[in-house]
Amino acid sequence: MMLILEIIGGLMFFGFMGFLSLLLLPGLFGCFGFLLVVVLLGGMIIFFSLNLVWVILFGLVYYIVMAGVKYLRYNKLPTYDNYLTANPNVYQNGQVCCSFCGAEHLSHVGLFGMRSKLRYYVCLRCRNWLYRFKVL
């Protein structure tokens, strides 16, 4: 009976981690990062015979650390004015271009999901983060 509960709890946990990875991992490591986390957690559960409380605790610590890493990366980005000052040739034909590849196709992305007020622009060609801004 305990084994069945642990299996069900593990499946629930991996579903929870999958949901959290939709918020953070695509911007950091993509699908490879999510698969790596699943394999590492699965290996820890099997090898150390961990119960579900420790796995959830590890998942929460991992989530907090990855959110912190992403927030620090966001804070290192220049603002719009600083981006244009540092790269004077990126404003062409009334549009801002990527300073890395010169593409005009940019998209803004929320730091922690679609509704996040902390946002940044990403080049759609080379996927580099360009500059940050806050939605009021």
N, C-alpha and C. Protein backbone atom coordinates (compact mmCIF):
# COMPACT_ATOMS: atom_id res chain seq x y z
N MET A 1 0.83 -1.20 0.00
CA MET A 1 0.00 0.00 0.00
C MET A 1 0.88 1.26 0.00
N MET A 2 1.93 1.26 0.82
CA MET A 2 2.82 2.43 0.91
C MET A 2 3.51 2.67 -0.43
N LEU A 3 3.88 1.61 -1.12
CA LEU A 3 4.54 1.75 -2.41
C LEU A 3 3.60 2.40 -3.42
N ILE A 4 2.34 2.02 -3.41
CA ILE A 4 1.36 2.60 -4.33
C ILE A 4 1.19 4.09 -4.04
N LEU A 5 1.12 4.45 -2.76
CA LEU A 5 0.99 5.86 -2.40
C LEU A 5 2.23 6.65 -2.82
N GLU A 6 3.40 6.06 -2.68
CA GLU A 6 4.63 6.75 -3.11
C GLU A 6 4.65 6.94 -4.62
N ILE A 7 4.19 5.94 -5.37
CA ILE A 7 4.14 6.06 -6.83
C ILE A 7 3.16 7.15 -7.24
N ILE A 8 1.98 7.15 -6.63
CA ILE A 8 0.99 8.19 -6.95
C ILE A 8 1.53 9.57 -6.57
N GLY A 9 2.15 9.67 -5.40
CA GLY A 9 2.73 10.95 -4.98
C GLY A 9 3.84 11.39 -5.92
N GLY A 10 4.66 10.47 -6.38
CA GLY A 10 5.72 10.81 -7.32
C GLY A 10 5.16 11.32 -8.63
N LEU A 11 4.10 10.67 -9.12
CA LEU A 11 3.47 11.13 -10.37
C LEU A 11 2.86 12.53 -10.20
N MET A 12 2.25 12.76 -9.03
CA MET A 12 1.69 14.09 -8.76
C MET A 12 2.81 15.13 -8.70
N PHE A 13 3.92 14.74 -8.07
CA PHE A 13 5.05 15.67 -7.97
C PHE A 13 5.61 16.01 -9.33
N PHE A 14 5.79 15.00 -10.18
CA PHE A 14 6.34 15.28 -11.51
C PHE A 14 5.37 16.12 -12.34
N GLY A 15 4.08 15.95 -12.13
CA GLY A 15 3.11 16.82 -12.79
C GLY A 15 3.25 18.25 -12.30
N PHE A 16 3.45 18.41 -10.99
CA PHE A 16 3.65 19.73 -10.40
C PHE A 16 4.94 20.35 -10.93
N MET A 17 6.02 19.58 -10.98
CA MET A 17 7.28 20.10 -11.51
C MET A 17 7.15 20.45 -12.99
N GLY A 18 6.35 19.66 -13.73
CA GLY A 18 6.12 19.98 -15.13
C GLY A 18 5.42 21.31 -15.30
N PHE A 19 4.45 21.57 -14.43
CA PHE A 19 3.75 22.85 -14.46
C PHE A 19 4.70 24.00 -14.13
N LEU A 20 5.53 23.83 -13.10
CA LEU A 20 6.49 24.87 -12.74
C LEU A 20 7.52 25.08 -13.84
N SER A 21 7.89 24.01 -14.52
CA SER A 21 8.91 24.15 -15.56
C SER A 21 8.37 24.94 -16.75
N LEU A 22 7.06 24.94 -16.93
CA LEU A 22 6.50 25.75 -18.00
C LEU A 22 6.70 27.23 -17.72
N LEU A 23 6.83 27.58 -16.43
CA LEU A 23 7.02 28.98 -16.07
C LEU A 23 8.48 29.41 -16.18
N LEU A 24 9.41 28.53 -15.80
CA LEU A 24 10.81 28.95 -15.71
C LEU A 24 11.73 28.34 -16.74
N LEU A 25 11.69 27.04 -16.91
CA LEU A 25 12.73 26.37 -17.67
C LEU A 25 12.82 26.72 -19.15
N PRO A 26 11.72 27.02 -19.85
CA PRO A 26 11.91 27.34 -21.27
C PRO A 26 12.83 28.53 -21.49
N GLY A 27 12.79 29.49 -20.58
CA GLY A 27 13.66 30.65 -20.74
C GLY A 27 15.09 30.37 -20.31
N LEU A 28 15.31 29.35 -19.51
CA LEU A 28 16.65 29.07 -19.02
C LEU A 28 17.33 27.95 -19.79
N PHE A 29 16.71 26.79 -19.83
CA PHE A 29 17.38 25.64 -20.43
C PHE A 29 16.56 24.93 -21.50
N GLY A 30 15.33 25.31 -21.71
CA GLY A 30 14.49 24.65 -22.69
C GLY A 30 14.05 23.27 -22.22
N CYS A 31 13.68 22.43 -23.17
CA CYS A 31 13.18 21.09 -22.86
C CYS A 31 14.27 20.23 -22.24
N PHE A 32 15.52 20.44 -22.64
CA PHE A 32 16.61 19.64 -22.08
C PHE A 32 16.71 19.83 -20.58
N GLY A 33 16.53 21.06 -20.10
CA GLY A 33 16.59 21.33 -18.66
C GLY A 33 15.50 20.61 -17.91
N PHE A 34 14.29 20.59 -18.47
CA PHE A 34 13.18 19.89 -17.82
C PHE A 34 13.45 18.39 -17.76
N LEU A 35 13.91 17.81 -18.87
CA LEU A 35 14.19 16.38 -18.87
C LEU A 35 15.32 16.03 -17.90
N LEU A 36 16.31 16.90 -17.80
CA LEU A 36 17.40 16.69 -16.86
C LEU A 36 16.89 16.68 -15.42
N VAL A 37 16.00 17.61 -15.09
CA VAL A 37 15.43 17.66 -13.74
C VAL A 37 14.62 16.41 -13.46
N VAL A 38 13.81 15.97 -14.40
CA VAL A 38 12.99 14.77 -14.21
C VAL A 38 13.88 13.55 -14.00
N VAL A 39 14.93 13.42 -14.79
CA VAL A 39 15.82 12.27 -14.65
C VAL A 39 16.55 12.32 -13.30
N LEU A 40 17.05 13.50 -12.92
CA LEU A 40 17.74 13.61 -11.64
C LEU A 40 16.82 13.32 -10.46
N LEU A 41 15.62 13.86 -10.48
CA LEU A 41 14.69 13.60 -9.38
C LEU A 41 14.26 12.13 -9.35
N GLY A 42 14.01 11.58 -10.52
CA GLY A 42 13.66 10.15 -10.58
C GLY A 42 14.78 9.28 -10.05
N GLY A 43 16.01 9.61 -10.42
CA GLY A 43 17.15 8.85 -9.93
C GLY A 43 17.33 8.99 -8.43
N MET A 44 17.09 10.18 -7.90
CA MET A 44 17.20 10.38 -6.46
C MET A 44 16.13 9.60 -5.71
N ILE A 45 14.93 9.58 -6.25
CA ILE A 45 13.85 8.84 -5.59
C ILE A 45 14.18 7.36 -5.54
N ILE A 46 14.64 6.83 -6.65
CA ILE A 46 14.93 5.39 -6.71
C ILE A 46 16.18 5.04 -5.90
N PHE A 47 17.27 5.81 -6.09
CA PHE A 47 18.54 5.46 -5.47
C PHE A 47 18.52 5.64 -3.95
N PHE A 48 17.98 6.76 -3.49
CA PHE A 48 18.00 7.04 -2.06
C PHE A 48 16.73 6.62 -1.35
N SER A 49 15.76 6.11 -2.10
CA SER A 49 14.46 5.73 -1.53
C SER A 49 13.87 6.88 -0.72
N LEU A 50 13.88 8.04 -1.31
CA LEU A 50 13.38 9.22 -0.64
C LEU A 50 11.86 9.19 -0.58
N ASN A 51 11.31 9.74 0.49
CA ASN A 51 9.87 9.84 0.51
C ASN A 51 9.45 11.15 -0.14
N LEU A 52 8.19 11.32 -0.33
CA LEU A 52 7.65 12.42 -1.11
C LEU A 52 7.93 13.78 -0.50
N VAL A 53 7.98 13.89 0.82
CA VAL A 53 8.21 15.18 1.47
C VAL A 53 9.56 15.75 1.07
N TRP A 54 10.61 14.93 1.05
CA TRP A 54 11.93 15.41 0.66
C TRP A 54 11.98 15.79 -0.80
N VAL A 55 11.28 15.06 -1.63
CA VAL A 55 11.27 15.37 -3.06
C VAL A 55 10.57 16.70 -3.30
N ILE A 56 9.44 16.93 -2.62
CA ILE A 56 8.74 18.20 -2.76
C ILE A 56 9.59 19.34 -2.22
N LEU A 57 10.26 19.12 -1.11
CA LEU A 57 11.13 20.15 -0.56
C LEU A 57 12.26 20.48 -1.53
N PHE A 58 12.86 19.46 -2.13
CA PHE A 58 13.90 19.69 -3.13
C PHE A 58 13.34 20.45 -4.32
N GLY A 59 12.14 20.10 -4.76
CA GLY A 59 11.52 20.79 -5.89
C GLY A 59 11.27 22.25 -5.60
N LEU A 60 10.81 22.56 -4.39
CA LEU A 60 10.57 23.95 -4.03
C LEU A 60 11.88 24.74 -3.95
N VAL A 61 12.91 24.14 -3.38
CA VAL A 61 14.21 24.81 -3.32
C VAL A 61 14.74 25.05 -4.73
N TYR A 62 14.61 24.06 -5.59
CA TYR A 62 15.04 24.19 -6.98
C TYR A 62 14.28 25.32 -7.68
N TYR A 63 12.98 25.38 -7.46
CA TYR A 63 12.16 26.42 -8.08
C TYR A 63 12.59 27.81 -7.61
N ILE A 64 12.83 27.96 -6.33
CA ILE A 64 13.24 29.25 -5.78
C ILE A 64 14.61 29.66 -6.32
N VAL A 65 15.54 28.71 -6.41
CA VAL A 65 16.87 29.02 -6.94
C VAL A 65 16.79 29.42 -8.41
N MET A 66 16.02 28.69 -9.20
CA MET A 66 15.91 29.01 -10.63
C MET A 66 15.19 30.35 -10.84
N ALA A 67 14.19 30.65 -10.01
CA ALA A 67 13.52 31.95 -10.11
C ALA A 67 14.51 33.06 -9.77
N GLY A 68 15.35 32.84 -8.77
CA GLY A 68 16.36 33.84 -8.41
C GLY A 68 17.38 34.05 -9.52
N VAL A 69 17.81 32.97 -10.15
CA VAL A 69 18.76 33.07 -11.26
C VAL A 69 18.15 33.86 -12.41
N LYS A 70 16.90 33.56 -12.72
CA LYS A 70 16.24 34.26 -13.81
C LYS A 70 16.04 35.73 -13.48
N TYR A 71 15.70 36.04 -12.23
CA TYR A 71 15.51 37.43 -11.82
C TYR A 71 16.83 38.21 -11.88
N LEU A 72 17.93 37.57 -11.46
CA LEU A 72 19.24 38.23 -11.54
C LEU A 72 19.63 38.50 -13.00
N ARG A 73 19.34 37.54 -13.88
CA ARG A 73 19.63 37.74 -15.30
C ARG A 73 18.80 38.90 -15.85
N TYR A 74 17.55 39.00 -15.42
CA TYR A 74 16.68 40.09 -15.85
C TYR A 74 17.23 41.44 -15.39
N ASN A 75 17.70 41.51 -14.15
CA ASN A 75 18.21 42.78 -13.62
C ASN A 75 19.50 43.22 -14.30
N LYS A 76 20.24 42.32 -14.91
CA LYS A 76 21.46 42.68 -15.62
C LYS A 76 21.18 43.27 -17.00
N LEU A 77 19.95 43.08 -17.50
CA LEU A 77 19.60 43.62 -18.81
C LEU A 77 19.50 45.15 -18.73
N PRO A 78 19.86 45.82 -19.82
CA PRO A 78 19.70 47.28 -19.82
C PRO A 78 18.23 47.66 -20.01
N THR A 79 17.89 48.87 -19.62
CA THR A 79 16.56 49.40 -19.92
C THR A 79 16.55 49.81 -21.40
N TYR A 80 15.39 50.22 -21.87
CA TYR A 80 15.26 50.61 -23.28
C TYR A 80 16.22 51.76 -23.62
N ASP A 81 16.23 52.79 -22.79
CA ASP A 81 17.10 53.93 -23.06
C ASP A 81 18.58 53.55 -23.01
N ASN A 82 18.96 52.72 -22.05
CA ASN A 82 20.35 52.28 -21.95
C ASN A 82 20.73 51.38 -23.13
N TYR A 83 19.78 50.58 -23.61
CA TYR A 83 20.04 49.72 -24.76
C TYR A 83 20.32 50.56 -26.01
N LEU A 84 19.50 51.61 -26.21
CA LEU A 84 19.71 52.47 -27.38
C LEU A 84 20.99 53.30 -27.25
N THR A 85 21.33 53.69 -26.03
CA THR A 85 22.56 54.44 -25.82
C THR A 85 23.80 53.58 -26.08
N ALA A 86 23.75 52.35 -25.59
CA ALA A 86 24.90 51.44 -25.77
C ALA A 86 25.03 50.95 -27.21
N ASN A 87 23.92 50.87 -27.94
CA ASN A 87 23.92 50.38 -29.32
C ASN A 87 23.21 51.41 -30.21
N PRO A 88 23.89 52.47 -30.61
CA PRO A 88 23.21 53.54 -31.35
C PRO A 88 22.73 53.14 -32.75
N ASN A 89 23.28 52.08 -33.31
CA ASN A 89 22.89 51.69 -34.67
C ASN A 89 21.73 50.68 -34.70
N VAL A 90 21.09 50.39 -33.58
CA VAL A 90 20.01 49.39 -33.58
C VAL A 90 18.64 49.99 -33.87
N TYR A 91 18.53 51.29 -33.88
CA TYR A 91 17.25 51.94 -34.19
C TYR A 91 17.25 52.32 -35.66
N GLN A 92 16.54 51.52 -36.48
CA GLN A 92 16.53 51.73 -37.93
C GLN A 92 15.10 51.69 -38.43
N ASN A 93 14.76 52.61 -39.31
CA ASN A 93 13.43 52.68 -39.94
C ASN A 93 12.30 52.71 -38.91
N GLY A 94 12.52 53.37 -37.81
CA GLY A 94 11.49 53.48 -36.78
C GLY A 94 11.29 52.23 -35.95
N GLN A 95 12.20 51.26 -36.06
CA GLN A 95 12.13 50.01 -35.31
C GLN A 95 13.44 49.75 -34.60
N VAL A 96 13.34 49.06 -33.47
CA VAL A 96 14.54 48.63 -32.76
C VAL A 96 14.92 47.26 -33.29
N CYS A 97 16.21 47.08 -33.56
CA CYS A 97 16.72 45.81 -34.08
C CYS A 97 17.56 45.11 -33.01
N CYS A 98 17.84 43.86 -33.25
CA CYS A 98 18.71 43.09 -32.37
C CYS A 98 20.15 43.56 -32.54
N SER A 99 20.83 43.75 -31.43
CA SER A 99 22.23 44.19 -31.51
C SER A 99 23.18 43.05 -31.83
N PHE A 100 22.71 41.81 -31.74
CA PHE A 100 23.56 40.64 -32.00
C PHE A 100 23.50 40.22 -33.46
N CYS A 101 22.28 40.09 -34.01
CA CYS A 101 22.16 39.57 -35.38
C CYS A 101 21.52 40.57 -36.34
N GLY A 102 20.98 41.69 -35.85
CA GLY A 102 20.40 42.70 -36.70
C GLY A 102 18.96 42.45 -37.13
N ALA A 103 18.33 41.43 -36.58
CA ALA A 103 16.95 41.11 -36.96
C ALA A 103 15.99 42.15 -36.40
N GLU A 104 14.91 42.41 -37.15
CA GLU A 104 13.90 43.36 -36.71
C GLU A 104 12.74 42.71 -35.99
N HIS A 105 12.71 41.41 -35.94
CA HIS A 105 11.60 40.68 -35.33
C HIS A 105 11.91 40.41 -33.86
N LEU A 106 11.29 41.22 -33.00
CA LEU A 106 11.48 41.11 -31.56
C LEU A 106 10.14 40.78 -30.92
N SER A 107 10.20 40.15 -29.78
CA SER A 107 8.99 39.84 -29.04
C SER A 107 9.23 40.10 -27.57
N HIS A 108 8.20 40.61 -26.87
CA HIS A 108 8.37 40.80 -25.43
C HIS A 108 7.78 39.60 -24.70
N VAL A 109 8.46 39.21 -23.62
CA VAL A 109 8.13 38.00 -22.87
C VAL A 109 8.07 38.38 -21.40
N GLY A 110 7.12 37.80 -20.68
CA GLY A 110 7.04 38.00 -19.25
C GLY A 110 8.08 37.18 -18.53
N LEU A 111 8.64 37.71 -17.48
CA LEU A 111 9.70 37.02 -16.75
C LEU A 111 9.19 35.74 -16.11
N PHE A 112 8.00 35.78 -15.52
CA PHE A 112 7.45 34.60 -14.85
C PHE A 112 6.12 34.19 -15.44
N GLY A 113 5.96 34.32 -16.74
CA GLY A 113 4.73 33.91 -17.40
C GLY A 113 4.14 35.04 -18.22
N MET A 114 3.02 34.75 -18.86
CA MET A 114 2.41 35.71 -19.78
C MET A 114 1.91 36.96 -19.09
N ARG A 115 1.48 36.86 -17.85
CA ARG A 115 0.87 38.00 -17.17
C ARG A 115 1.84 38.74 -16.26
N SER A 116 3.11 38.42 -16.34
CA SER A 116 4.11 39.05 -15.49
C SER A 116 4.30 40.52 -15.85
N LYS A 117 4.43 41.36 -14.85
CA LYS A 117 4.67 42.79 -15.10
C LYS A 117 6.13 43.07 -15.41
N LEU A 118 7.03 42.18 -15.03
CA LEU A 118 8.44 42.30 -15.39
C LEU A 118 8.62 41.62 -16.75
N ARG A 119 8.97 42.41 -17.77
CA ARG A 119 9.04 41.88 -19.12
C ARG A 119 10.38 42.25 -19.76
N TYR A 120 10.72 41.51 -20.80
CA TYR A 120 11.96 41.78 -21.54
C TYR A 120 11.73 41.45 -23.01
N TYR A 121 12.52 42.07 -23.85
CA TYR A 121 12.43 41.81 -25.29
C TYR A 121 13.46 40.75 -25.68
N VAL A 122 13.03 39.87 -26.58
CA VAL A 122 13.85 38.77 -27.07
C VAL A 122 13.88 38.84 -28.59
N CYS A 123 15.05 38.62 -29.17
CA CYS A 123 15.17 38.50 -30.62
C CYS A 123 14.61 37.14 -31.03
N LEU A 124 13.73 37.12 -32.01
CA LEU A 124 13.13 35.86 -32.44
C LEU A 124 14.08 35.02 -33.29
N ARG A 125 15.11 35.64 -33.85
CA ARG A 125 16.05 34.87 -34.68
C ARG A 125 17.13 34.20 -33.82
N CYS A 126 17.81 34.99 -32.99
CA CYS A 126 18.94 34.42 -32.23
C CYS A 126 18.58 34.12 -30.77
N ARG A 127 17.38 34.48 -30.32
CA ARG A 127 16.85 34.19 -28.99
C ARG A 127 17.63 34.87 -27.85
N ASN A 128 18.35 35.93 -28.14
CA ASN A 128 19.06 36.67 -27.09
C ASN A 128 18.10 37.64 -26.40
N TRP A 129 18.30 37.80 -25.10
CA TRP A 129 17.54 38.79 -24.34
C TRP A 129 18.17 40.15 -24.64
N LEU A 130 17.35 41.16 -24.94
CA LEU A 130 17.88 42.45 -25.36
C LEU A 130 17.78 43.52 -24.27
N TYR A 131 16.57 43.85 -23.85
CA TYR A 131 16.40 44.86 -22.81
C TYR A 131 15.12 44.58 -22.03
N ARG A 132 15.03 45.21 -20.87
CA ARG A 132 13.91 44.95 -19.96
C ARG A 132 13.02 46.17 -19.82
N PHE A 133 11.80 45.92 -19.34
CA PHE A 133 10.89 47.01 -19.00
C PHE A 133 9.83 46.47 -18.06
N LYS A 134 9.13 47.39 -17.40
CA LYS A 134 8.06 47.02 -16.47
C LYS A 134 6.75 47.54 -17.02
N VAL A 135 5.72 46.70 -16.91
CA VAL A 135 4.37 47.12 -17.29
C VAL A 135 3.73 47.76 -16.07
N LEU A 136 3.14 48.90 -16.27
CA LEU A 136 2.51 49.60 -15.14
C LEU A 136 1.13 49.08 -14.84
